[in-house]
Amino acid sequence: MKSLKDIIESLEMLELLGNADVMISGLQLNSTSVTPGDLFMAIRGTHTDGHRFINQAIENGAVAILCENIPVAPNPTVTFIRVAESSKATGLVASAFYGHPSEKLKVIGVTGTNGKTTTATSLYHLFEFLGYPSGLLSTIRIKIHQQTLEATHTTPDAIMINRMLAQMVDEGCSYVFMEVSSHALAQHRTSGLHFAGGIFTNLTRDHLDYHPNFLSYLQVKKSFFDALPSDAFALTNLEDRNGEIMLQNCKARCYTYSSRGMADFEATVVEQHSNGMAILFGGLEVWTNLTGRFNVLNLLAVYAAAILLGMEQDQVLLALSRLTPVEGRLETVMLGGGRTAFVDYAHTPDALENVLKTLVELRVEGSRIITVFGAGGDRDRGKRPIMGSTVCQFSDLVILTSDNPRTEDPERIIEDVFTGVSADKRDHVLSITNRHEAIKTAVRLSQPGDIILVAGKGHEPYQEVNGVKHHFDDREELRKLRFPDTQTSKPIA
């Protein structure tokens, strides 16, 4: 338990009503989770306003309320702390409640549209291999040294972040690598955290269902680098036109990386195959198990961050050679019969283009690329036709299907995607709403040498329809359709 007075001392309070010496047993954002002795944070969210549930929180035992507006008739037995932005204050309170764990760790934040998961996860594995107990907060999962927890958000809420960081401190972790999403930054989930470094991967169209426009999306990302302290490092991708913008007005030590031109950290692809690449880092060649030119930048960011954190180059390169592809990121599923399938999380035009360009480079003469993909529902509709155009540009056959339709009609989503398909490509596009049937059709239509890409869901083991998550895993679906042997032309049904 912690004294309320101690955990709110860093806040710029507008009003304190009640006893500040009350003891706090826990922090809650959800009124239904409140237990006696808790502090309830009333936050204005995208879909609901926590202020509506203050009375319920008090009924469940909350002894203090952090809010922007105190009720007209406040409960006299409860302490109220009024602040200008309760979302921003929540991070500060959570950090104090858990003993400022980010100050006891070297926390590296990775932000950008694509590549966050691969970069953060690869850094975690690299530092674990080097003998440093580390933590990971990612889209796929949370790692506390060797303990694994499933993730629910790319970046958890401020209370969970600090609770996880505190556990990482208790487990003896030295480094933590975390994805920092634009939603998290806009909602101040990283408020109160001390970052030892920040990495920018790239910025392309995404999340415009949440952000008003691309400029707003960019400014939110930039706010992460603006907030880095002077003792941190900021590492940015020079190949992205927004890379240098991230460093403007940044107080941290600034560094750049690129595989195409002059930068502080450079890499060159020597050769590329379906199972990996040979890359030059700082003049030294290393074989990596990741493939795709977009992964060169991800690995270069990993390499650069490790060097900036004081690791020896030889040890870093050895660790790089041990890394394996991140789950659901250009993950290979061997189908037999001369066919290869890849499952990838790509769900933006840029990510799809990067993955497909890699497959174009890998395919043999005369083989085809068959792509199965769809767009998520309740998300930026504007990118759907762009994705349709992009996929058709680099694929020989496209099968449009359902992704996570959420509350939208999946057939309407497919229609939106199809509007981006040019007239000369429409004969090469099929629409099969049922994702299972779409994948099966792609395999049945494939010939020896063909490459099948199933894009959009990657590591996700579910399909969300009308608020319900049904078990569905693209990798499982493909494995059911494996050919019995390389001589067989008929897939297993």
Protein backbone atom coordinates (compact mmCIF):
# COMPACT_ATOMS: atom_id res chain seq x y z
CA MET A 1 0.00 0.00 0.00
CA LYS A 2 1.10 3.55 -0.68
CA SER A 3 0.06 6.89 0.78
CA LEU A 4 -2.06 8.92 -1.62
CA LYS A 5 -0.04 11.99 -0.66
CA ASP A 6 3.17 10.31 -1.88
CA ILE A 7 1.84 9.10 -5.21
CA ILE A 8 0.24 12.39 -6.24
CA GLU A 9 3.04 14.73 -5.19
CA SER A 10 4.27 15.20 -8.80
CA LEU A 11 0.82 16.18 -10.13
CA GLU A 12 -0.23 19.70 -10.99
CA MET A 13 -3.48 19.50 -9.05
CA LEU A 14 -6.28 21.96 -9.65
CA GLU A 15 -8.09 20.90 -6.51
CA LEU A 16 -7.74 18.41 -3.66
CA LEU A 17 -10.91 17.58 -1.78
CA GLY A 18 -10.54 15.27 1.21
CA ASN A 19 -7.77 13.46 3.07
CA ALA A 20 -4.46 13.10 1.19
CA ASP A 21 -3.02 10.78 3.87
CA VAL A 22 -5.35 7.91 2.97
CA MET A 23 -3.62 4.63 2.04
CA ILE A 24 -4.05 3.27 -1.50
CA SER A 25 -4.02 -0.46 -2.15
CA GLY A 26 -4.34 -0.39 -5.95
CA LEU A 27 -5.03 1.63 -9.09
CA GLN A 28 -7.96 1.03 -11.42
CA LEU A 29 -9.26 2.41 -14.73
CA ASN A 30 -12.32 0.14 -14.80
CA SER A 31 -14.90 0.79 -12.10
CA THR A 32 -16.00 -2.87 -12.11
CA SER A 33 -12.46 -3.91 -11.14
CA VAL A 34 -12.31 -1.60 -8.12
CA THR A 35 -11.82 -3.25 -4.72
CA PRO A 36 -11.79 -1.60 -1.27
CA GLY A 37 -8.87 0.79 -0.86
CA ASP A 38 -8.33 1.49 -4.57
CA LEU A 39 -7.75 4.78 -6.39
CA PHE A 40 -10.05 5.08 -9.42
CA MET A 41 -8.86 7.05 -12.45
CA ALA A 42 -11.74 8.67 -14.37
CA ILE A 43 -10.45 9.04 -17.92
CA ARG A 44 -12.29 10.37 -20.97
CA GLY A 45 -11.88 7.63 -23.58
CA THR A 46 -12.74 7.24 -27.24
CA HIS A 47 -16.00 5.39 -26.58
CA THR A 48 -16.88 6.22 -22.99
CA ASP A 49 -16.14 8.65 -20.16
CA GLY A 50 -14.84 7.26 -16.89
CA HIS A 51 -16.49 10.14 -15.01
CA ARG A 52 -19.83 8.39 -15.58
CA PHE A 53 -18.68 5.52 -13.38
CA ILE A 54 -17.33 7.41 -10.36
CA ASN A 55 -20.30 6.45 -8.19
CA GLN A 56 -19.96 2.79 -9.15
CA ALA A 57 -16.25 2.90 -8.29
CA ILE A 58 -17.09 4.38 -4.87
CA GLU A 59 -19.74 1.71 -4.29
CA ASN A 60 -17.09 -0.93 -5.00
CA GLY A 61 -14.75 0.55 -2.40
CA ALA A 62 -12.69 3.29 -4.05
CA VAL A 63 -11.25 5.60 -1.37
CA ALA A 64 -9.95 8.20 -3.83
CA ILE A 65 -10.89 9.45 -7.30
CA LEU A 66 -8.60 11.10 -9.86
CA CYS A 67 -10.74 13.14 -12.24
CA GLU A 68 -11.15 16.28 -14.32
CA ASN A 69 -14.53 17.16 -12.83
CA ILE A 70 -15.57 16.54 -9.24
CA PRO A 71 -19.23 15.44 -8.89
CA VAL A 72 -21.74 18.11 -7.86
CA ALA A 73 -22.43 16.29 -4.60
CA PRO A 74 -19.12 14.55 -3.80
CA ASN A 75 -19.06 11.69 -1.30
CA PRO A 76 -17.53 13.18 1.87
CA THR A 77 -15.74 9.92 2.76
CA VAL A 78 -13.80 9.87 -0.52
CA THR A 79 -10.80 11.98 -1.55
CA PHE A 80 -11.04 13.71 -4.94
CA ILE A 81 -8.00 14.89 -6.94
CA ARG A 82 -8.93 17.21 -9.81
CA VAL A 83 -6.44 17.64 -12.65
CA ALA A 84 -6.53 19.16 -16.13
CA GLU A 85 -5.89 15.84 -17.94
CA SER A 86 -6.54 12.68 -16.00
CA SER A 87 -5.06 10.51 -18.78
CA LYS A 88 -1.70 12.24 -18.46
CA ALA A 89 -1.86 12.23 -14.65
CA THR A 90 -2.56 8.49 -14.59
CA GLY A 91 0.90 7.66 -15.90
CA LEU A 92 2.57 9.87 -13.31
CA VAL A 93 0.54 8.33 -10.48
CA ALA A 94 1.14 4.78 -11.74
CA SER A 95 4.88 5.38 -11.96
CA ALA A 96 4.96 6.67 -8.39
CA PHE A 97 2.73 3.88 -7.06
CA TYR A 98 5.03 1.19 -8.46
CA GLY A 99 8.23 2.89 -7.34
CA HIS A 100 9.27 4.59 -10.61
CA PRO A 101 10.37 1.30 -12.23
CA SER A 102 11.34 2.84 -15.58
CA GLU A 103 14.12 4.76 -13.81
CA LYS A 104 15.60 1.45 -12.61
CA LEU A 105 15.67 -0.02 -16.13
CA LYS A 106 16.95 1.01 -19.54
CA VAL A 107 13.67 1.29 -21.44
CA ILE A 108 13.86 1.58 -25.23
CA GLY A 109 10.73 2.65 -27.09
CA VAL A 110 10.16 1.65 -30.72
CA THR A 111 7.62 3.64 -32.71
CA GLY A 112 6.56 3.82 -36.35
CA THR A 113 3.90 2.35 -38.62
CA ASN A 114 5.65 -0.90 -39.56
CA GLY A 115 8.54 -2.86 -38.05
CA LYS A 116 7.86 -2.12 -34.37
CA THR A 117 7.22 -5.73 -33.39
CA THR A 118 10.19 -7.18 -35.28
CA THR A 119 12.57 -4.52 -33.95
CA ALA A 120 11.46 -4.67 -30.31
CA THR A 121 11.22 -8.48 -30.23
CA SER A 122 14.60 -8.92 -31.92
CA LEU A 123 16.21 -6.55 -29.42
CA TYR A 124 14.73 -8.55 -26.56
CA HIS A 125 16.09 -11.84 -27.92
CA LEU A 126 19.47 -10.30 -28.74
CA PHE A 127 19.99 -8.97 -25.21
CA GLU A 128 18.76 -12.21 -23.66
CA PHE A 129 21.30 -14.06 -25.82
CA LEU A 130 24.02 -11.67 -24.63
CA GLY A 131 23.19 -12.61 -21.05
CA TYR A 132 21.13 -9.60 -19.98
CA PRO A 133 17.74 -10.46 -18.45
CA SER A 134 15.32 -8.30 -20.40
CA GLY A 135 11.68 -7.38 -20.78
CA LEU A 136 9.44 -7.00 -23.81
CA LEU A 137 6.14 -5.17 -24.30
CA SER A 138 4.90 -5.93 -27.79
CA THR A 139 1.86 -6.50 -29.97
CA ILE A 140 2.29 -10.26 -29.75
CA ARG A 141 3.25 -10.81 -26.11
CA ILE A 142 4.84 -9.53 -22.93
CA LYS A 143 8.08 -11.09 -21.74
CA ILE A 144 9.43 -10.71 -18.21
CA HIS A 145 12.82 -12.35 -18.66
CA GLN A 146 11.76 -15.96 -19.35
CA GLN A 147 8.12 -15.52 -18.28
CA THR A 148 5.60 -15.04 -21.11
CA LEU A 149 2.25 -13.24 -20.94
CA GLU A 150 -0.18 -12.70 -23.77
CA ALA A 151 -0.59 -9.10 -24.95
CA THR A 152 -3.95 -7.40 -25.49
CA HIS A 153 -2.72 -4.08 -26.93
CA THR A 154 0.35 -2.92 -28.82
CA THR A 155 1.05 -0.65 -25.84
CA PRO A 156 -0.80 -1.47 -22.59
CA ASP A 157 -2.45 1.18 -20.40
CA ALA A 158 -0.23 3.23 -18.07
CA ILE A 159 -1.11 1.20 -14.98
CA MET A 160 -0.28 -2.14 -16.61
CA ILE A 161 2.93 -0.76 -18.13
CA ASN A 162 4.22 0.29 -14.74
CA ARG A 163 3.04 -2.91 -13.07
CA MET A 164 4.88 -4.96 -15.70
CA LEU A 165 8.00 -2.80 -15.41
CA ALA A 166 7.95 -3.25 -11.63
CA GLN A 167 7.81 -7.03 -12.11
CA MET A 168 10.72 -6.78 -14.54
CA VAL A 169 12.73 -4.93 -11.89
CA ASP A 170 11.88 -7.66 -9.36
CA GLU A 171 13.00 -10.33 -11.84
CA GLY A 172 16.38 -8.64 -12.28
CA CYS A 173 15.84 -7.27 -15.79
CA SER A 174 18.27 -4.63 -17.01
CA TYR A 175 16.71 -3.67 -20.35
CA VAL A 176 13.15 -3.36 -21.62
CA PHE A 177 12.08 -3.01 -25.24
CA MET A 178 8.58 -1.78 -25.92
CA GLU A 179 6.44 -0.86 -28.87
CA VAL A 180 4.99 2.62 -28.58
CA SER A 181 1.84 3.05 -30.67
CA SER A 182 0.33 6.32 -31.82
CA HIS A 183 -2.81 5.53 -29.82
CA ALA A 184 -0.69 5.13 -26.68
CA LEU A 185 1.03 8.46 -27.27
CA ALA A 186 -2.23 10.29 -27.99
CA GLN A 187 -3.74 8.82 -24.83
CA HIS A 188 -0.65 9.57 -22.69
CA ARG A 189 -0.11 5.91 -21.76
CA THR A 190 3.66 6.50 -21.64
CA SER A 191 3.35 9.56 -19.39
CA GLY A 192 5.74 9.34 -16.45
CA LEU A 193 8.08 6.82 -18.09
CA HIS A 194 11.82 7.44 -18.39
CA PHE A 195 13.15 6.24 -21.74
CA ALA A 196 16.84 5.50 -22.30
CA GLY A 197 16.30 5.53 -26.05
CA GLY A 198 13.81 5.82 -28.87
CA ILE A 199 13.76 4.21 -32.32
CA PHE A 200 11.78 5.44 -35.33
CA THR A 201 11.10 2.82 -38.01
CA ASN A 202 8.90 4.53 -40.63
CA LEU A 203 5.65 6.37 -41.11
CA THR A 204 3.03 5.43 -43.69
CA ARG A 205 -0.73 5.71 -43.90
CA ASP A 206 -2.46 3.95 -41.00
CA HIS A 207 -4.87 4.64 -38.13
CA LEU A 208 -6.58 7.51 -39.94
CA ASP A 209 -9.81 6.19 -38.47
CA TYR A 210 -8.42 7.48 -35.15
CA HIS A 211 -6.20 10.41 -36.08
CA PRO A 212 -7.88 13.28 -37.97
CA ASN A 213 -5.25 13.30 -40.72
CA PHE A 214 -1.72 12.18 -41.57
CA LEU A 215 -0.15 15.35 -40.12
CA SER A 216 -1.80 14.65 -36.78
CA TYR A 217 -0.52 11.06 -36.92
CA LEU A 218 3.00 12.36 -37.63
CA GLN A 219 2.89 14.92 -34.82
CA VAL A 220 1.81 12.30 -32.31
CA LYS A 221 4.77 10.12 -33.28
CA LYS A 222 7.11 13.11 -33.09
CA SER A 223 5.87 13.91 -29.58
CA PHE A 224 7.61 10.75 -28.37
CA PHE A 225 10.99 12.05 -29.54
CA ASP A 226 10.27 15.57 -28.32
CA ALA A 227 9.85 14.13 -24.82
CA LEU A 228 13.07 12.09 -24.74
CA PRO A 229 15.50 13.33 -22.06
CA SER A 230 19.01 14.57 -22.86
CA ASP A 231 20.62 11.40 -21.48
CA ALA A 232 18.70 9.21 -23.95
CA PHE A 233 19.44 8.39 -27.59
CA ALA A 234 17.12 8.95 -30.57
CA LEU A 235 17.67 6.65 -33.56
CA THR A 236 15.84 7.37 -36.80
CA ASN A 237 15.46 5.81 -40.24
CA LEU A 238 16.88 8.17 -42.86
CA GLU A 239 15.20 6.23 -45.67
CA ASP A 240 11.84 7.50 -44.49
CA ARG A 241 11.11 11.08 -45.49
CA ASN A 242 9.81 11.75 -41.98
CA GLY A 243 12.88 10.35 -40.28
CA GLU A 244 14.71 13.63 -39.86
CA ILE A 245 11.51 15.39 -38.76
CA MET A 246 11.47 13.15 -35.69
CA LEU A 247 14.81 14.58 -34.59
CA GLN A 248 13.83 18.24 -34.88
CA ASN A 249 13.91 19.87 -31.42
CA CYS A 250 14.88 16.52 -29.87
CA LYS A 251 17.01 16.94 -26.72
CA ALA A 252 18.39 13.38 -26.87
CA ARG A 253 21.62 12.31 -28.61
CA CYS A 254 20.55 11.88 -32.24
CA TYR A 255 21.67 9.10 -34.61
CA THR A 256 20.57 7.87 -38.04
CA TYR A 257 20.53 4.56 -39.91
CA SER A 258 20.16 3.68 -43.59
CA SER A 259 20.92 0.93 -46.09
CA ARG A 260 20.99 3.35 -49.02
CA GLY A 261 23.13 6.34 -48.16
CA MET A 262 25.27 8.15 -45.63
CA ALA A 263 24.17 7.60 -42.04
CA ASP A 264 25.66 6.94 -38.62
CA PHE A 265 24.81 3.25 -39.02
CA GLU A 266 24.79 1.58 -42.44
CA ALA A 267 24.10 -1.88 -43.83
CA THR A 268 24.39 -3.52 -47.25
CA VAL A 269 22.71 -6.69 -48.50
CA VAL A 270 25.26 -9.12 -49.93
CA GLU A 271 22.82 -11.85 -50.93
CA GLN A 272 19.20 -12.74 -50.21
CA HIS A 273 17.40 -16.09 -50.07
CA SER A 274 14.03 -17.35 -48.87
CA ASN A 275 15.59 -18.50 -45.58
CA GLY A 276 17.76 -15.47 -44.82
CA MET A 277 20.23 -12.83 -45.96
CA ALA A 278 23.93 -12.04 -45.79
CA ILE A 279 24.35 -8.42 -44.67
CA LEU A 280 27.30 -6.14 -44.08
CA PHE A 281 27.11 -4.23 -40.79
CA GLY A 282 29.94 -1.77 -40.20
CA GLY A 283 32.03 -3.56 -42.81
CA LEU A 284 31.55 -7.02 -41.27
CA GLU A 285 29.40 -9.68 -42.92
CA VAL A 286 26.84 -11.73 -41.01
CA TRP A 287 24.22 -14.27 -42.06
CA THR A 288 20.75 -13.58 -40.67
CA ASN A 289 17.70 -15.84 -40.63
CA LEU A 290 15.37 -12.99 -41.59
CA THR A 291 14.71 -12.16 -45.21
CA GLY A 292 13.29 -9.18 -47.08
CA ARG A 293 14.89 -5.82 -47.68
CA PHE A 294 12.52 -4.16 -45.22
CA ASN A 295 14.01 -6.46 -42.58
CA VAL A 296 17.45 -5.06 -43.36
CA LEU A 297 16.28 -1.80 -41.81
CA ASN A 298 14.73 -3.60 -38.85
CA LEU A 299 17.97 -5.50 -38.20
CA LEU A 300 20.02 -2.35 -38.72
CA ALA A 301 17.95 -0.56 -36.08
CA VAL A 302 18.53 -3.51 -33.73
CA TYR A 303 22.26 -3.47 -34.42
CA ALA A 304 22.54 0.30 -33.96
CA ALA A 305 20.52 0.32 -30.72
CA ALA A 306 22.66 -2.46 -29.27
CA ILE A 307 25.85 -0.55 -30.09
CA LEU A 308 24.40 2.66 -28.62
CA LEU A 309 23.60 0.71 -25.45
CA GLY A 310 27.29 -0.18 -25.12
CA MET A 311 27.40 -3.70 -26.54
CA GLU A 312 30.50 -5.02 -28.35
CA GLN A 313 30.17 -5.22 -32.13
CA ASP A 314 31.39 -8.84 -32.44
CA GLN A 315 28.94 -10.01 -29.79
CA VAL A 316 26.09 -8.09 -31.40
CA LEU A 317 26.75 -9.63 -34.82
CA LEU A 318 26.92 -13.11 -33.31
CA ALA A 319 23.58 -12.52 -31.62
CA LEU A 320 22.08 -11.15 -34.85
CA SER A 321 22.99 -14.40 -36.60
CA ARG A 322 20.97 -16.30 -33.97
CA LEU A 323 17.75 -14.32 -34.39
CA THR A 324 14.76 -15.99 -36.03
CA PRO A 325 11.75 -14.42 -37.78
CA VAL A 326 9.16 -12.97 -35.45
CA GLU A 327 5.89 -14.86 -35.26
CA GLY A 328 3.54 -13.89 -38.09
CA ARG A 329 6.10 -11.65 -39.79
CA LEU A 330 6.95 -13.17 -43.17
CA GLU A 331 6.61 -16.54 -41.45
CA THR A 332 7.18 -19.48 -43.77
CA VAL A 333 4.80 -22.43 -44.06
CA MET A 334 6.21 -25.14 -46.34
CA LEU A 335 3.34 -26.69 -48.29
CA GLY A 336 5.30 -29.33 -50.19
CA GLY A 337 4.69 -29.98 -53.85
CA GLY A 338 7.12 -27.20 -54.69
CA ARG A 339 4.89 -24.55 -53.12
CA THR A 340 5.81 -22.14 -50.33
CA ALA A 341 3.43 -20.03 -48.30
CA PHE A 342 4.18 -16.95 -46.21
CA VAL A 343 1.99 -15.50 -43.47
CA ASP A 344 2.47 -11.83 -42.69
CA TYR A 345 0.80 -9.19 -40.55
CA ALA A 346 0.99 -6.59 -43.35
CA HIS A 347 -2.20 -4.54 -43.25
CA THR A 348 -1.10 -1.20 -44.70
CA PRO A 349 -0.27 -0.34 -48.34
CA ASP A 350 3.41 0.21 -47.53
CA ALA A 351 3.79 -3.02 -45.55
CA LEU A 352 2.08 -5.03 -48.30
CA GLU A 353 4.34 -3.49 -50.94
CA ASN A 354 7.47 -4.28 -48.92
CA VAL A 355 6.49 -7.90 -48.39
CA LEU A 356 5.42 -8.44 -51.99
CA LYS A 357 8.60 -6.85 -53.38
CA THR A 358 10.56 -9.34 -51.29
CA LEU A 359 8.55 -12.25 -52.70
CA VAL A 360 9.04 -10.96 -56.25
CA GLU A 361 12.80 -11.05 -55.66
CA LEU A 362 12.62 -14.58 -54.24
CA ARG A 363 10.44 -16.29 -56.83
CA VAL A 364 11.93 -18.37 -59.62
CA GLU A 365 11.28 -17.70 -63.28
CA GLY A 366 7.83 -18.84 -64.36
CA SER A 367 6.39 -19.03 -60.86
CA ARG A 368 3.47 -16.94 -59.63
CA ILE A 369 2.61 -14.97 -56.52
CA ILE A 370 -0.87 -15.67 -55.19
CA THR A 371 -2.01 -13.26 -52.49
CA VAL A 372 -4.88 -13.73 -50.07
CA PHE A 373 -5.80 -10.65 -48.05
CA GLY A 374 -8.56 -8.44 -46.74
CA ALA A 375 -8.96 -5.18 -44.83
CA GLY A 376 -10.00 -4.85 -41.21
CA GLY A 377 -13.41 -3.47 -40.35
CA ASP A 378 -14.04 -0.30 -38.30
CA ARG A 379 -10.70 1.07 -39.44
CA ASP A 380 -9.44 3.61 -41.99
CA ARG A 381 -11.56 3.03 -45.10
CA GLY A 382 -9.37 5.29 -47.21
CA LYS A 383 -6.49 2.85 -47.33
CA ARG A 384 -8.61 -0.03 -48.65
CA PRO A 385 -8.54 0.83 -52.39
CA ILE A 386 -4.84 1.71 -52.08
CA MET A 387 -4.18 -1.75 -50.66
CA GLY A 388 -6.17 -3.31 -53.50
CA SER A 389 -4.09 -1.47 -56.07
CA THR A 390 -0.80 -2.29 -54.35
CA VAL A 391 -1.49 -6.02 -54.06
CA CYS A 392 -2.57 -6.32 -57.69
CA GLN A 393 0.58 -4.53 -58.84
CA PHE A 394 2.85 -7.22 -57.41
CA SER A 395 0.66 -10.36 -57.52
CA ASP A 396 -0.31 -12.67 -60.38
CA LEU A 397 -3.52 -13.76 -58.67
CA VAL A 398 -5.34 -12.02 -55.82
CA ILE A 399 -8.07 -13.48 -53.63
CA LEU A 400 -9.93 -10.84 -51.64
CA THR A 401 -11.39 -12.14 -48.41
CA SER A 402 -12.51 -11.21 -44.91
CA ASP A 403 -9.94 -10.07 -42.34
CA ASN A 404 -11.35 -8.96 -38.97
CA PRO A 405 -14.64 -7.41 -40.14
CA ARG A 406 -15.55 -6.41 -36.57
CA THR A 407 -18.94 -4.65 -36.85
CA GLU A 408 -18.82 -4.08 -40.63
CA ASP A 409 -20.25 -6.22 -43.42
CA PRO A 410 -17.23 -8.14 -44.80
CA GLU A 411 -18.59 -8.06 -48.35
CA ARG A 412 -18.82 -4.25 -48.21
CA ILE A 413 -15.19 -4.13 -47.07
CA ILE A 414 -14.18 -6.30 -50.02
CA GLU A 415 -16.07 -3.95 -52.34
CA ASP A 416 -14.08 -1.01 -50.92
CA VAL A 417 -10.81 -2.84 -51.62
CA PHE A 418 -11.95 -3.81 -55.13
CA THR A 419 -12.50 -0.17 -56.10
CA GLY A 420 -8.71 0.22 -56.14
CA VAL A 421 -8.22 -2.57 -58.67
CA SER A 422 -7.56 -1.26 -62.17
CA ALA A 423 -9.64 -2.59 -65.06
CA ASP A 424 -6.73 -4.53 -66.58
CA LYS A 425 -6.18 -6.42 -63.30
CA ARG A 426 -9.76 -7.40 -62.49
CA ASP A 427 -9.60 -10.71 -64.35
CA HIS A 428 -6.87 -11.75 -61.91
CA VAL A 429 -8.92 -11.04 -58.79
CA LEU A 430 -11.31 -13.38 -57.00
CA SER A 431 -13.59 -12.50 -54.08
CA ILE A 432 -14.20 -15.24 -51.51
CA THR A 433 -15.57 -13.83 -48.27
CA ASN A 434 -14.96 -16.95 -46.17
CA ARG A 435 -11.27 -16.76 -45.22
CA HIS A 436 -10.93 -20.53 -44.82
CA GLU A 437 -12.26 -21.09 -48.34
CA ALA A 438 -10.09 -18.29 -49.72
CA ILE A 439 -6.92 -19.87 -48.36
CA LYS A 440 -7.98 -23.32 -49.56
CA THR A 441 -8.67 -21.91 -53.04
CA ALA A 442 -5.25 -20.26 -53.18
CA VAL A 443 -3.56 -23.57 -52.41
CA ARG A 444 -5.72 -25.52 -54.87
CA LEU A 445 -4.97 -23.05 -57.66
CA SER A 446 -1.22 -23.05 -56.98
CA GLN A 447 1.34 -24.82 -59.13
CA PRO A 448 4.85 -26.07 -58.29
CA GLY A 449 7.13 -23.09 -57.75
CA ASP A 450 4.33 -20.71 -56.79
CA ILE A 451 4.47 -18.53 -53.68
CA ILE A 452 1.33 -17.93 -51.63
CA LEU A 453 1.08 -14.90 -49.37
CA VAL A 454 -1.67 -14.79 -46.74
CA ALA A 455 -1.56 -11.25 -45.39
CA GLY A 456 -3.23 -9.08 -42.79
CA LYS A 457 -3.56 -11.18 -39.65
CA GLY A 458 -0.09 -12.64 -39.11
CA HIS A 459 0.22 -13.95 -35.55
CA GLU A 460 -3.45 -13.42 -34.68
CA PRO A 461 -5.18 -16.70 -33.70
CA TYR A 462 -8.67 -15.29 -34.12
CA GLN A 463 -11.11 -13.58 -36.45
CA GLU A 464 -13.24 -10.85 -34.87
CA VAL A 465 -16.86 -10.70 -36.06
CA ASN A 466 -19.44 -8.46 -34.38
CA GLY A 467 -17.39 -8.14 -31.21
CA VAL A 468 -16.74 -11.88 -30.87
CA LYS A 469 -13.30 -13.41 -31.46
CA HIS A 470 -13.54 -16.81 -33.16
CA HIS A 471 -10.49 -19.06 -33.30
CA PHE A 472 -8.80 -18.73 -36.69
CA ASP A 473 -5.10 -18.99 -37.47
CA ASP A 474 -3.81 -18.50 -41.02
CA ARG A 475 -0.82 -20.74 -40.29
CA GLU A 476 -3.02 -23.57 -39.04
CA GLU A 477 -5.23 -23.28 -42.11
CA LEU A 478 -2.22 -23.59 -44.42
CA ARG A 479 -0.75 -26.55 -42.54
CA LYS A 480 -4.02 -28.44 -42.98
CA LEU A 481 -3.54 -28.05 -46.75
CA ARG A 482 0.02 -29.35 -46.99
CA PHE A 483 0.82 -31.61 -49.92
CA PRO A 484 1.67 -35.17 -48.83
CA ASP A 485 4.99 -35.13 -50.70
CA THR A 486 6.82 -33.21 -53.39
CA GLN A 487 5.51 -35.53 -56.11
CA THR A 488 1.83 -34.96 -55.33
CA SER A 489 -0.16 -32.34 -57.19
CA LYS A 490 -3.32 -32.60 -55.09
CA PRO A 491 -3.42 -30.87 -51.67
CA ILE A 492 -4.90 -32.52 -48.61
CA ALA A 493 -8.49 -31.30 -48.14
